[in-house]
Amino acid sequence: MIITLLIILLSVSLSTNELIKIYGISQVITFVYTAGLAFLGIRQLYDGQGYFFEFGFRQKNLAGYYIFVISFLIFHFLKNKGVLKNLTALLILFFVEYFLIKDRTASYLIVLYFIIFEYRLIPKNKISMTLISSLPVVLTFFSLFLAENISRYAWISRFDYILTSRIQLWAYYISSYKILWLPQNITASFHSMYGSIPFDNAYLYYLLNEGLFQYCLIIALVVYALYLACKNEDIFIFSMLFTLVLYNFTEMIGFDAKSSILLPLSFLLLIQRNNKILSNERKVFD
């Protein structure tokens, strides 16, 4: 969390354009470099059984995450380039995510991002803006409810099957650790006979690991950033924030500022709240 805080503080001197550029370029370089090593045989291209591509990353979902966030820039570049080019990019990205990497979360969210961004589906009245902005809070309580009641309701077990047994792991952590006001050190993965299984829920992990006080600050920051993006009708930033917030429900990387723009961008929007955030007529890469 200390590294995340330092990155957030360093981002204060940047504009939103500059911050998006830095993250965008770094994520493209990271993916190309890591995948390049995999194709050269230095890193592992496939998983151990050859069932899906890892592109050199330690797990397939991490590779899926980088393609997911790079898609933000791809669709931004293709804005006003015609429906055919946009749909072609969408189909290619979905094919890679769903059939090669087999990351369902990232593949579905790429489609959702495309729909929101392409059709400018952004809340415009205060009620809808408030409801959408409260999504991180809703997902926190929903995650807790699922973890605490998996053995009580049959529909949660069925939902757990769809989430590839993630809720069972959440339940294990919730039963093993108490929610404290101050941080505590918990492992980010569970070691079983099948190997290391990641926590895969940023809301519950950060709630347990960072403590209630810090967690409330994080959630309040993201909630306000979503509201500002809606208020300024910035479809590009809103689409990014909204899909990253959803991504955190089944993955854990979204609050890690070393790899995710979510918290630095949210803090920057807070600092620059009296300014127009990023008009859709301007390009990120001028």
Protein backbone atom coordinates (compact mmCIF):
# COMPACT_ATOMS: atom_id res chain seq x y z
CA MET A 1 0.00 0.00 0.00
CA ILE A 2 2.97 2.32 0.59
CA ILE A 3 4.04 2.04 -3.06
CA THR A 4 0.47 2.71 -4.17
CA LEU A 5 0.35 5.82 -1.96
CA LEU A 6 3.65 7.09 -3.38
CA ILE A 7 2.44 6.61 -6.96
CA ILE A 8 -0.80 8.43 -6.14
CA LEU A 9 1.11 11.37 -4.64
CA LEU A 10 3.49 11.53 -7.62
CA SER A 11 0.52 11.68 -9.99
CA VAL A 12 -0.66 14.98 -8.46
CA SER A 13 1.70 17.01 -10.68
CA LEU A 14 0.31 15.40 -13.86
CA SER A 15 -2.72 16.15 -15.96
CA THR A 16 -5.23 13.40 -16.60
CA ASN A 17 -3.96 13.19 -20.19
CA GLU A 18 -0.38 12.71 -19.01
CA LEU A 19 -1.37 10.10 -16.43
CA ILE A 20 -3.33 8.08 -19.00
CA LYS A 21 -0.38 8.33 -21.42
CA ILE A 22 2.07 7.04 -18.82
CA TYR A 23 -0.08 4.10 -17.81
CA GLY A 24 -1.09 3.31 -21.37
CA ILE A 25 2.48 3.27 -22.70
CA SER A 26 3.82 1.32 -19.71
CA GLN A 27 1.10 -1.32 -20.01
CA VAL A 28 1.71 -1.77 -23.73
CA ILE A 29 5.48 -2.06 -23.15
CA THR A 30 4.98 -4.54 -20.29
CA PHE A 31 2.72 -6.78 -22.35
CA VAL A 32 4.84 -6.66 -25.53
CA TYR A 33 8.06 -7.30 -23.58
CA THR A 34 6.64 -10.18 -21.52
CA ALA A 35 4.84 -11.78 -24.47
CA GLY A 36 7.98 -11.36 -26.58
CA LEU A 37 10.01 -13.31 -24.02
CA ALA A 38 7.34 -16.01 -24.08
CA PHE A 39 7.44 -16.34 -27.88
CA LEU A 40 11.24 -16.56 -27.69
CA GLY A 41 10.91 -19.44 -25.23
CA ILE A 42 12.43 -17.56 -22.30
CA ARG A 43 9.13 -17.45 -20.46
CA GLN A 44 6.16 -19.79 -20.50
CA LEU A 45 3.78 -19.14 -23.40
CA TYR A 46 1.14 -21.68 -22.31
CA ASP A 47 0.02 -23.02 -18.96
CA GLY A 48 1.47 -26.33 -17.81
CA GLN A 49 -1.17 -28.40 -19.62
CA GLY A 50 -1.23 -26.29 -22.79
CA TYR A 51 -4.89 -25.46 -22.14
CA PHE A 52 -4.61 -21.67 -22.43
CA PHE A 53 -2.11 -18.92 -23.25
CA GLU A 54 -0.29 -17.07 -20.47
CA PHE A 55 1.90 -14.94 -22.78
CA GLY A 56 4.76 -15.05 -20.28
CA PHE A 57 2.77 -13.87 -17.26
CA ARG A 58 2.63 -15.95 -14.11
CA GLN A 59 -1.10 -16.54 -14.55
CA LYS A 60 -3.55 -16.22 -17.40
CA ASN A 61 -5.75 -13.61 -15.70
CA LEU A 62 -2.79 -11.26 -15.46
CA ALA A 63 -2.26 -11.53 -19.21
CA GLY A 64 -6.00 -11.00 -19.65
CA TYR A 65 -5.87 -7.92 -17.47
CA TYR A 66 -3.20 -6.22 -19.57
CA ILE A 67 -5.11 -6.83 -22.80
CA PHE A 68 -8.25 -5.55 -21.07
CA VAL A 69 -6.70 -2.22 -20.04
CA ILE A 70 -4.87 -1.81 -23.37
CA SER A 71 -8.26 -2.12 -25.07
CA PHE A 72 -9.21 1.24 -23.48
CA LEU A 73 -6.62 2.96 -25.65
CA ILE A 74 -7.38 0.87 -28.72
CA PHE A 75 -11.02 1.93 -28.76
CA HIS A 76 -10.02 5.52 -28.01
CA PHE A 77 -7.69 5.49 -31.03
CA LEU A 78 -10.42 4.00 -33.21
CA LYS A 79 -13.00 6.59 -32.19
CA ASN A 80 -14.54 8.12 -35.32
CA LYS A 81 -12.72 5.54 -37.49
CA GLY A 82 -15.90 3.77 -38.52
CA VAL A 83 -18.05 0.98 -37.13
CA LEU A 84 -16.27 -1.77 -39.10
CA LYS A 85 -12.84 -1.04 -37.60
CA ASN A 86 -14.26 -0.84 -34.09
CA LEU A 87 -16.17 -4.11 -34.41
CA THR A 88 -13.13 -5.82 -35.93
CA ALA A 89 -11.00 -4.72 -32.97
CA LEU A 90 -13.69 -5.87 -30.55
CA LEU A 91 -13.92 -9.31 -32.15
CA ILE A 92 -10.14 -9.77 -32.14
CA LEU A 93 -9.81 -8.69 -28.50
CA PHE A 94 -12.72 -10.89 -27.44
CA PHE A 95 -11.29 -13.88 -29.34
CA VAL A 96 -7.88 -13.52 -27.68
CA GLU A 97 -9.37 -13.06 -24.21
CA TYR A 98 -12.10 -15.70 -24.34
CA PHE A 99 -10.63 -18.44 -26.53
CA LEU A 100 -6.85 -18.11 -26.16
CA ILE A 101 -6.34 -16.79 -22.62
CA LYS A 102 -9.73 -18.06 -21.45
CA ASP A 103 -10.32 -15.05 -19.19
CA ARG A 104 -14.10 -14.67 -19.11
CA THR A 105 -14.11 -11.66 -16.80
CA ALA A 106 -11.86 -9.59 -19.04
CA SER A 107 -13.59 -10.70 -22.25
CA TYR A 108 -17.06 -9.72 -21.01
CA LEU A 109 -15.83 -6.40 -19.62
CA ILE A 110 -14.15 -5.50 -22.91
CA VAL A 111 -17.54 -5.90 -24.59
CA LEU A 112 -19.20 -3.84 -21.85
CA TYR A 113 -16.55 -1.12 -22.15
CA PHE A 114 -17.05 -1.00 -25.92
CA ILE A 115 -20.83 -0.63 -25.56
CA ILE A 116 -20.56 2.11 -22.92
CA PHE A 117 -17.86 4.03 -24.79
CA GLU A 118 -19.25 3.64 -28.30
CA TYR A 119 -22.86 4.50 -27.40
CA ARG A 120 -21.98 7.06 -24.70
CA LEU A 121 -24.00 5.36 -21.98
CA ILE A 122 -23.28 7.72 -19.12
CA PRO A 123 -25.67 8.73 -16.30
CA LYS A 124 -26.91 12.28 -16.65
CA ASN A 125 -29.33 12.93 -13.78
CA LYS A 126 -28.42 13.04 -10.10
CA ILE A 127 -30.30 9.87 -9.17
CA SER A 128 -28.62 7.67 -11.78
CA MET A 129 -25.26 9.34 -11.12
CA THR A 130 -25.57 8.59 -7.42
CA LEU A 131 -26.60 4.99 -8.02
CA ILE A 132 -23.74 4.29 -10.43
CA SER A 133 -21.21 6.06 -8.22
CA SER A 134 -22.21 3.88 -5.25
CA LEU A 135 -21.25 0.70 -7.14
CA PRO A 136 -18.00 0.11 -5.15
CA VAL A 137 -20.01 0.22 -1.91
CA VAL A 138 -22.66 -2.12 -3.32
CA LEU A 139 -20.03 -4.60 -4.51
CA THR A 140 -18.34 -4.53 -1.10
CA PHE A 141 -21.51 -5.44 0.76
CA PHE A 142 -22.56 -7.92 -1.92
CA SER A 143 -19.18 -9.67 -1.66
CA LEU A 144 -19.51 -9.87 2.12
CA PHE A 145 -23.06 -11.22 1.83
CA LEU A 146 -21.99 -13.93 -0.61
CA ALA A 147 -19.00 -14.98 1.50
CA GLU A 148 -20.98 -15.14 4.73
CA ASN A 149 -24.01 -16.97 3.29
CA ILE A 150 -22.64 -19.46 0.77
CA SER A 151 -23.78 -22.42 2.84
CA ARG A 152 -27.20 -20.90 3.50
CA TYR A 153 -28.59 -20.25 0.04
CA ALA A 154 -28.52 -22.61 -2.92
CA TRP A 155 -28.42 -19.78 -5.46
CA ILE A 156 -25.11 -18.59 -4.02
CA SER A 157 -23.63 -22.05 -4.60
CA ARG A 158 -24.82 -21.93 -8.19
CA PHE A 159 -23.37 -18.45 -8.55
CA ASP A 160 -20.12 -19.74 -7.03
CA TYR A 161 -19.94 -22.34 -9.79
CA ILE A 162 -20.14 -19.55 -12.38
CA LEU A 163 -17.37 -17.70 -10.53
CA THR A 164 -15.21 -20.86 -10.52
CA SER A 165 -15.41 -21.37 -6.74
CA ARG A 166 -14.21 -17.88 -5.86
CA ILE A 167 -16.92 -17.38 -3.23
CA GLN A 168 -15.70 -20.44 -1.32
CA LEU A 169 -12.28 -18.82 -1.07
CA TRP A 170 -13.82 -15.52 0.03
CA ALA A 171 -15.74 -17.41 2.72
CA TYR A 172 -12.51 -19.02 3.94
CA TYR A 173 -10.83 -15.64 4.38
CA ILE A 174 -13.85 -14.02 5.99
CA SER A 175 -14.04 -16.87 8.52
CA SER A 176 -10.28 -16.83 9.14
CA TYR A 177 -9.74 -13.09 9.60
CA LYS A 178 -11.66 -10.36 11.38
CA ILE A 179 -12.40 -6.99 9.83
CA LEU A 180 -10.26 -4.54 11.82
CA TRP A 181 -9.94 -0.78 11.79
CA LEU A 182 -6.18 -0.98 11.22
CA PRO A 183 -4.20 -2.99 8.63
CA GLN A 184 -3.29 -6.62 9.16
CA ASN A 185 -1.08 -8.88 7.10
CA ILE A 186 -3.01 -11.53 5.18
CA THR A 187 -1.79 -13.67 2.31
CA ALA A 188 -2.98 -12.70 -1.16
CA SER A 189 -3.32 -16.34 -2.22
CA PHE A 190 -4.39 -19.67 -0.77
CA HIS A 191 -2.03 -22.63 -1.11
CA SER A 192 -3.75 -25.91 -1.86
CA MET A 193 -2.92 -29.27 -3.40
CA TYR A 194 -3.74 -27.69 -6.76
CA GLY A 195 -1.22 -24.88 -6.30
CA SER A 196 -1.52 -21.23 -5.32
CA ILE A 197 -5.06 -19.84 -5.69
CA PRO A 198 -5.31 -16.00 -5.70
CA PHE A 199 -7.87 -14.21 -3.52
CA ASP A 200 -9.61 -12.69 -6.57
CA ASN A 201 -11.75 -10.01 -4.95
CA ALA A 202 -10.14 -6.62 -4.41
CA TYR A 203 -12.95 -5.39 -2.19
CA LEU A 204 -12.70 -8.14 0.41
CA TYR A 205 -8.91 -8.42 0.24
CA TYR A 206 -8.30 -4.71 0.80
CA LEU A 207 -11.03 -4.56 3.46
CA LEU A 208 -9.27 -7.29 5.43
CA ASN A 209 -5.67 -6.37 4.66
CA GLU A 210 -5.78 -2.56 4.83
CA GLY A 211 -8.32 -2.21 7.61
CA LEU A 212 -11.68 -0.47 7.68
CA PHE A 213 -10.29 3.06 8.04
CA GLN A 214 -8.01 2.97 4.97
CA TYR A 215 -10.54 0.94 3.01
CA CYS A 216 -13.27 3.53 3.54
CA LEU A 217 -10.92 6.23 2.24
CA ILE A 218 -10.18 4.14 -0.88
CA ILE A 219 -13.84 3.46 -1.59
CA ALA A 220 -14.87 7.07 -0.95
CA LEU A 221 -12.18 8.20 -3.41
CA VAL A 222 -13.40 5.86 -6.17
CA VAL A 223 -17.06 6.71 -5.52
CA TYR A 224 -16.35 10.43 -5.85
CA ALA A 225 -14.25 9.91 -8.98
CA LEU A 226 -17.11 8.02 -10.64
CA TYR A 227 -19.45 10.85 -9.72
CA LEU A 228 -17.10 13.47 -11.16
CA ALA A 229 -16.71 11.53 -14.41
CA CYS A 230 -20.52 11.41 -14.72
CA LYS A 231 -20.89 15.07 -13.79
CA ASN A 232 -18.37 16.14 -16.43
CA GLU A 233 -19.88 13.71 -18.97
CA ASP A 234 -16.43 12.33 -19.71
CA ILE A 235 -17.28 9.05 -21.39
CA PHE A 236 -13.66 7.90 -21.77
CA ILE A 237 -12.76 8.23 -18.10
CA PHE A 238 -16.18 7.02 -16.95
CA SER A 239 -15.91 3.88 -19.09
CA MET A 240 -12.46 3.11 -17.65
CA LEU A 241 -13.45 3.69 -14.04
CA PHE A 242 -16.74 1.82 -14.30
CA THR A 243 -15.30 -1.33 -15.87
CA LEU A 244 -12.30 -1.36 -13.51
CA VAL A 245 -14.67 -1.14 -10.54
CA LEU A 246 -16.55 -4.16 -11.88
CA TYR A 247 -13.26 -5.95 -12.58
CA ASN A 248 -12.36 -5.72 -8.90
CA PHE A 249 -15.29 -7.94 -7.98
CA THR A 250 -13.61 -11.09 -9.31
CA GLU A 251 -9.97 -9.98 -9.48
CA MET A 252 -7.54 -8.26 -7.13
CA ILE A 253 -5.23 -6.10 -9.23
CA GLY A 254 -7.57 -3.13 -9.70
CA PHE A 255 -6.46 -1.28 -6.55
CA ASP A 256 -2.74 -1.89 -7.17
CA ALA A 257 -1.38 1.40 -8.52
CA LYS A 258 1.72 -0.34 -9.92
CA SER A 259 -0.50 -1.94 -12.57
CA SER A 260 -3.84 -0.14 -12.43
CA ILE A 261 -4.71 3.49 -13.09
CA LEU A 262 -7.88 3.32 -10.95
CA LEU A 263 -6.64 4.90 -7.69
CA PRO A 264 -4.14 7.43 -9.16
CA LEU A 265 -6.74 8.63 -11.66
CA SER A 266 -9.43 8.81 -8.98
CA PHE A 267 -7.17 10.91 -6.75
CA LEU A 268 -6.21 13.17 -9.66
CA LEU A 269 -9.87 13.77 -10.46
CA LEU A 270 -10.43 14.74 -6.84
CA ILE A 271 -7.55 17.25 -6.93
CA GLN A 272 -8.69 18.69 -10.26
CA ARG A 273 -12.42 18.54 -9.50
CA ASN A 274 -12.95 22.21 -10.33
CA ASN A 275 -11.55 21.73 -13.82
CA LYS A 276 -13.04 20.11 -16.91
CA ILE A 277 -11.65 16.58 -16.67
CA LEU A 278 -10.97 15.45 -20.22
CA SER A 279 -13.24 16.47 -23.03
CA ASN A 280 -14.07 13.79 -25.54
CA GLU A 281 -12.96 16.05 -28.39
CA ARG A 282 -9.34 15.88 -27.19
CA LYS A 283 -7.13 12.92 -27.82
CA VAL A 284 -5.05 11.31 -25.10
CA PHE A 285 -2.08 11.05 -27.47
CA ASP A 286 -1.90 14.50 -29.11
